[in-house]
């Protein structure tokens, strides 16, 4: 009976350790996802800025080209 309890205790201890490890890994994945989302948002802002810069330059250069 004692041996059976010890086996169950060890199994429970192992399962609890694996659960803690899974929780830590899940938290790390959430952090990485948040970081990636932030980088994507920053990239979107830069792309939009470049697009508007391109439009402004185009508006300026087209008349100059027509004059040449």
Foldseek 3Di string as FASTA:
>chain_A
DVVVVVVVVVVVVVVVVVVVVVVVVVVVVVVVVVVVVVVVVVVVVVVVVVVVVVVVVVVVVVVVVVVD
